[in-house]
Amino acid sequence: MKLRMLPPALEDLEEAGQFYENSQKELGQRFMTELIGEIDSLRYRAGIHRVCLGYHRLLVHRFPFAVFYKIISEEVIVFRVLDCRCDPKWIQAKLGDPEDRP
């Protein structure tokens, strides 16, 4: 299946990777490797994850992050990559109004 990451998801990934790199040397690289692998797995496993706030939600194994995606016309679209430790209202605000979602 085709996979596309929207700009907000790419920004989320970059920001989180930088945070981890600043926390501990090479942790940012480990984070990016883990997340990219998880996101790439959506090409084959998209749709098996629980729907949360109107999106499928892939929970990352080694980091407290979730990948929010949808399947639209045979394409997996990653909307956001968000820290699960944040307030659920913040996460919902980042995902936007359900009425505005494709």
N, C-alpha and C. Protein backbone atom coordinates (compact mmCIF):
# COMPACT_ATOMS: atom_id res chain seq x y z
N MET A 1 0.84 -1.17 0.00
CA MET A 1 0.00 0.00 0.00
C MET A 1 0.89 1.24 0.00
N LYS A 2 0.45 2.27 -0.66
CA LYS A 2 1.19 3.53 -0.72
C LYS A 2 1.11 4.23 0.64
N LEU A 3 2.19 4.92 1.01
CA LEU A 3 2.27 5.60 2.30
C LEU A 3 2.67 7.05 2.08
N ARG A 4 1.95 7.95 2.77
CA ARG A 4 2.26 9.38 2.66
C ARG A 4 2.19 10.00 4.06
N MET A 5 3.20 10.81 4.36
CA MET A 5 3.20 11.54 5.63
C MET A 5 2.93 13.01 5.34
N LEU A 6 1.96 13.57 6.03
CA LEU A 6 1.64 14.98 5.87
C LEU A 6 2.68 15.84 6.59
N PRO A 7 2.86 17.09 6.17
CA PRO A 7 3.85 17.96 6.81
C PRO A 7 3.77 18.05 8.34
N PRO A 8 2.57 18.13 8.95
CA PRO A 8 2.54 18.16 10.42
C PRO A 8 3.15 16.91 11.05
N ALA A 9 2.96 15.75 10.44
CA ALA A 9 3.54 14.51 10.96
C ALA A 9 5.06 14.54 10.85
N LEU A 10 5.57 15.03 9.74
CA LEU A 10 7.02 15.16 9.57
C LEU A 10 7.61 16.12 10.59
N GLU A 11 6.90 17.22 10.84
CA GLU A 11 7.36 18.18 11.85
C GLU A 11 7.34 17.56 13.24
N ASP A 12 6.29 16.80 13.56
CA ASP A 12 6.22 16.12 14.85
C ASP A 12 7.41 15.19 15.03
N LEU A 13 7.72 14.43 14.01
CA LEU A 13 8.80 13.47 14.05
C LEU A 13 10.15 14.16 14.26
N GLU A 14 10.37 15.22 13.53
CA GLU A 14 11.63 15.98 13.64
C GLU A 14 11.78 16.61 15.02
N GLU A 15 10.72 17.20 15.52
CA GLU A 15 10.75 17.84 16.83
C GLU A 15 11.03 16.83 17.95
N ALA A 16 10.37 15.69 17.89
CA ALA A 16 10.57 14.66 18.92
C ALA A 16 11.97 14.07 18.82
N GLY A 17 12.46 13.84 17.61
CA GLY A 17 13.82 13.32 17.44
C GLY A 17 14.85 14.27 18.01
N GLN A 18 14.65 15.56 17.80
CA GLN A 18 15.57 16.56 18.34
C GLN A 18 15.52 16.58 19.87
N PHE A 19 14.32 16.45 20.42
CA PHE A 19 14.16 16.41 21.88
C PHE A 19 14.97 15.25 22.46
N TYR A 20 14.81 14.06 21.87
CA TYR A 20 15.53 12.89 22.39
C TYR A 20 17.04 13.02 22.19
N GLU A 21 17.46 13.60 21.08
CA GLU A 21 18.89 13.77 20.84
C GLU A 21 19.49 14.73 21.86
N ASN A 22 18.75 15.78 22.21
CA ASN A 22 19.22 16.72 23.22
C ASN A 22 19.24 16.10 24.62
N SER A 23 18.41 15.10 24.83
CA SER A 23 18.34 14.43 26.13
C SER A 23 19.52 13.48 26.36
N GLN A 24 19.86 12.75 25.30
CA GLN A 24 20.94 11.76 25.41
C GLN A 24 21.53 11.52 24.03
N LYS A 25 22.84 11.51 23.97
CA LYS A 25 23.52 11.30 22.69
C LYS A 25 23.06 9.99 22.04
N GLU A 26 22.75 10.06 20.76
CA GLU A 26 22.30 8.96 19.91
C GLU A 26 20.89 8.45 20.21
N LEU A 27 20.23 8.98 21.24
CA LEU A 27 18.86 8.57 21.52
C LEU A 27 17.92 9.08 20.43
N GLY A 28 18.19 10.27 19.92
CA GLY A 28 17.38 10.81 18.82
C GLY A 28 17.44 9.93 17.59
N GLN A 29 18.63 9.41 17.28
CA GLN A 29 18.78 8.52 16.13
C GLN A 29 18.03 7.21 16.37
N ARG A 30 18.10 6.67 17.58
CA ARG A 30 17.36 5.45 17.89
C ARG A 30 15.85 5.69 17.78
N PHE A 31 15.41 6.86 18.25
CA PHE A 31 14.00 7.22 18.14
C PHE A 31 13.57 7.25 16.68
N MET A 32 14.34 7.95 15.86
CA MET A 32 13.98 8.07 14.44
C MET A 32 13.96 6.71 13.74
N THR A 33 14.93 5.88 14.03
CA THR A 33 14.99 4.54 13.43
C THR A 33 13.76 3.73 13.83
N GLU A 34 13.41 3.77 15.10
CA GLU A 34 12.24 3.03 15.60
C GLU A 34 10.95 3.54 14.94
N LEU A 35 10.78 4.86 14.94
CA LEU A 35 9.54 5.43 14.40
C LEU A 35 9.41 5.20 12.91
N ILE A 36 10.49 5.36 12.18
CA ILE A 36 10.43 5.15 10.73
C ILE A 36 10.10 3.70 10.43
N GLY A 37 10.65 2.77 11.20
CA GLY A 37 10.32 1.36 11.02
C GLY A 37 8.85 1.08 11.30
N GLU A 38 8.34 1.66 12.38
CA GLU A 38 6.93 1.47 12.72
C GLU A 38 6.02 2.06 11.64
N ILE A 39 6.35 3.26 11.19
CA ILE A 39 5.54 3.91 10.16
C ILE A 39 5.60 3.12 8.86
N ASP A 40 6.79 2.64 8.49
CA ASP A 40 6.93 1.86 7.27
C ASP A 40 6.11 0.57 7.33
N SER A 41 5.94 0.00 8.53
CA SER A 41 5.16 -1.23 8.67
C SER A 41 3.69 -1.02 8.29
N LEU A 42 3.25 0.23 8.25
CA LEU A 42 1.87 0.51 7.87
C LEU A 42 1.58 0.13 6.42
N ARG A 43 2.61 0.04 5.61
CA ARG A 43 2.41 -0.40 4.21
C ARG A 43 1.76 -1.78 4.16
N TYR A 44 2.03 -2.59 5.19
CA TYR A 44 1.55 -3.97 5.21
C TYR A 44 0.51 -4.24 6.29
N ARG A 45 0.49 -3.41 7.34
CA ARG A 45 -0.38 -3.67 8.48
C ARG A 45 -1.40 -2.57 8.73
N ALA A 46 -1.57 -1.68 7.81
CA ALA A 46 -2.51 -0.58 8.00
C ALA A 46 -3.93 -1.11 8.20
N GLY A 47 -4.63 -0.47 9.11
CA GLY A 47 -6.02 -0.81 9.35
C GLY A 47 -6.24 -1.77 10.51
N ILE A 48 -5.17 -2.37 11.05
CA ILE A 48 -5.34 -3.32 12.15
C ILE A 48 -5.37 -2.62 13.51
N HIS A 49 -5.05 -1.34 13.53
CA HIS A 49 -4.95 -0.62 14.79
C HIS A 49 -6.28 -0.01 15.20
N ARG A 50 -6.45 0.13 16.49
CA ARG A 50 -7.68 0.68 17.06
C ARG A 50 -7.93 2.10 16.53
N VAL A 51 -9.20 2.42 16.33
CA VAL A 51 -9.58 3.77 15.93
C VAL A 51 -9.76 4.61 17.19
N CYS A 52 -9.11 5.75 17.20
CA CYS A 52 -9.14 6.67 18.34
C CYS A 52 -9.23 8.09 17.80
N LEU A 53 -10.23 8.83 18.24
CA LEU A 53 -10.44 10.22 17.81
C LEU A 53 -10.59 10.33 16.29
N GLY A 54 -11.14 9.30 15.68
CA GLY A 54 -11.40 9.33 14.25
C GLY A 54 -10.25 8.86 13.37
N TYR A 55 -9.14 8.41 13.97
CA TYR A 55 -7.97 7.94 13.24
C TYR A 55 -7.60 6.55 13.73
N HIS A 56 -6.95 5.78 12.89
CA HIS A 56 -6.28 4.58 13.38
C HIS A 56 -5.09 5.07 14.19
N ARG A 57 -4.80 4.38 15.30
CA ARG A 57 -3.71 4.81 16.18
C ARG A 57 -2.73 3.66 16.38
N LEU A 58 -1.54 3.82 15.83
CA LEU A 58 -0.45 2.88 16.01
C LEU A 58 0.37 3.32 17.22
N LEU A 59 0.40 2.50 18.26
CA LEU A 59 1.22 2.80 19.43
C LEU A 59 2.62 2.25 19.21
N VAL A 60 3.61 3.11 19.38
CA VAL A 60 5.01 2.74 19.17
C VAL A 60 5.48 1.92 20.37
N HIS A 61 6.27 0.89 20.11
CA HIS A 61 6.67 -0.04 21.17
C HIS A 61 7.67 0.54 22.16
N ARG A 62 8.71 1.18 21.72
CA ARG A 62 9.80 1.58 22.62
C ARG A 62 9.75 3.03 23.08
N PHE A 63 8.87 3.80 22.52
CA PHE A 63 8.75 5.21 22.90
C PHE A 63 7.27 5.52 23.12
N PRO A 64 6.97 6.48 23.97
CA PRO A 64 5.56 6.78 24.28
C PRO A 64 4.89 7.66 23.23
N PHE A 65 4.89 7.20 22.00
CA PHE A 65 4.32 7.96 20.90
C PHE A 65 3.27 7.15 20.17
N ALA A 66 2.37 7.88 19.51
CA ALA A 66 1.34 7.26 18.69
C ALA A 66 1.36 7.89 17.31
N VAL A 67 1.15 7.06 16.31
CA VAL A 67 1.05 7.50 14.92
C VAL A 67 -0.43 7.47 14.57
N PHE A 68 -0.97 8.61 14.20
CA PHE A 68 -2.38 8.72 13.83
C PHE A 68 -2.48 8.75 12.32
N TYR A 69 -3.24 7.81 11.76
CA TYR A 69 -3.32 7.69 10.31
C TYR A 69 -4.72 7.29 9.87
N LYS A 70 -4.94 7.46 8.57
CA LYS A 70 -6.18 7.01 7.93
C LYS A 70 -5.81 6.30 6.63
N ILE A 71 -6.72 5.45 6.19
CA ILE A 71 -6.58 4.81 4.88
C ILE A 71 -7.61 5.45 3.98
N ILE A 72 -7.12 6.10 2.94
CA ILE A 72 -8.00 6.80 2.00
C ILE A 72 -7.61 6.39 0.58
N SER A 73 -8.53 5.78 -0.13
CA SER A 73 -8.30 5.37 -1.52
C SER A 73 -7.00 4.58 -1.69
N GLU A 74 -6.85 3.50 -0.93
CA GLU A 74 -5.70 2.62 -1.04
C GLU A 74 -4.37 3.31 -0.68
N GLU A 75 -4.45 4.37 0.09
CA GLU A 75 -3.25 5.08 0.52
C GLU A 75 -3.31 5.27 2.04
N VAL A 76 -2.20 4.99 2.71
CA VAL A 76 -2.09 5.24 4.14
C VAL A 76 -1.56 6.66 4.30
N ILE A 77 -2.32 7.49 4.99
CA ILE A 77 -1.91 8.88 5.20
C ILE A 77 -1.67 9.09 6.68
N VAL A 78 -0.43 9.44 7.02
CA VAL A 78 -0.06 9.71 8.41
C VAL A 78 -0.30 11.19 8.67
N PHE A 79 -1.19 11.47 9.62
CA PHE A 79 -1.56 12.84 9.93
C PHE A 79 -0.68 13.45 11.01
N ARG A 80 -0.44 12.70 12.09
CA ARG A 80 0.34 13.23 13.22
C ARG A 80 1.11 12.10 13.88
N VAL A 81 2.21 12.47 14.54
CA VAL A 81 2.99 11.57 15.39
C VAL A 81 3.10 12.30 16.72
N LEU A 82 2.34 11.84 17.72
CA LEU A 82 2.18 12.61 18.96
C LEU A 82 2.60 11.83 20.20
N ASP A 83 3.08 12.59 21.18
CA ASP A 83 3.52 12.05 22.47
C ASP A 83 2.29 11.66 23.30
N CYS A 84 2.20 10.40 23.66
CA CYS A 84 1.05 9.90 24.42
C CYS A 84 1.03 10.38 25.87
N ARG A 85 2.13 10.95 26.34
CA ARG A 85 2.18 11.43 27.72
C ARG A 85 1.48 12.78 27.88
N CYS A 86 1.13 13.39 26.78
CA CYS A 86 0.48 14.70 26.82
C CYS A 86 -0.99 14.58 27.19
N ASP A 87 -1.55 15.68 27.63
CA ASP A 87 -2.96 15.77 27.98
C ASP A 87 -3.81 15.35 26.77
N PRO A 88 -4.78 14.47 26.97
CA PRO A 88 -5.64 14.04 25.85
C PRO A 88 -6.31 15.21 25.12
N LYS A 89 -6.60 16.28 25.83
CA LYS A 89 -7.20 17.45 25.17
C LYS A 89 -6.20 18.10 24.21
N TRP A 90 -4.93 18.09 24.59
CA TRP A 90 -3.88 18.63 23.71
C TRP A 90 -3.78 17.77 22.45
N ILE A 91 -3.81 16.45 22.64
CA ILE A 91 -3.75 15.54 21.49
C ILE A 91 -4.94 15.76 20.57
N GLN A 92 -6.11 15.87 21.15
CA GLN A 92 -7.32 16.10 20.35
C GLN A 92 -7.22 17.43 19.59
N ALA A 93 -6.68 18.46 20.24
CA ALA A 93 -6.52 19.75 19.57
C ALA A 93 -5.53 19.65 18.41
N LYS A 94 -4.47 18.89 18.59
CA LYS A 94 -3.47 18.71 17.52
C LYS A 94 -4.08 17.98 16.32
N LEU A 95 -5.00 17.05 16.61
CA LEU A 95 -5.63 16.31 15.52
C LEU A 95 -6.70 17.14 14.81
N GLY A 96 -7.19 18.18 15.48
CA GLY A 96 -8.17 19.06 14.85
C GLY A 96 -9.61 18.64 15.08
N ASP A 97 -10.49 19.42 14.54
CA ASP A 97 -11.93 19.20 14.67
C ASP A 97 -12.34 17.99 13.83
N PRO A 98 -13.07 17.05 14.43
CA PRO A 98 -13.49 15.86 13.66
C PRO A 98 -14.27 16.21 12.40
N GLU A 99 -14.97 17.31 12.40
CA GLU A 99 -15.75 17.71 11.22
C GLU A 99 -14.85 18.14 10.05
N ASP A 100 -13.63 18.55 10.35
CA ASP A 100 -12.71 19.02 9.30
C ASP A 100 -11.85 17.91 8.73
N ARG A 101 -11.92 16.72 9.29
CA ARG A 101 -11.05 15.61 8.87
C ARG A 101 -11.58 14.98 7.59
N PRO A 102 -10.64 14.58 6.72
CA PRO A 102 -11.07 13.88 5.50
C PRO A 102 -11.64 12.51 5.80
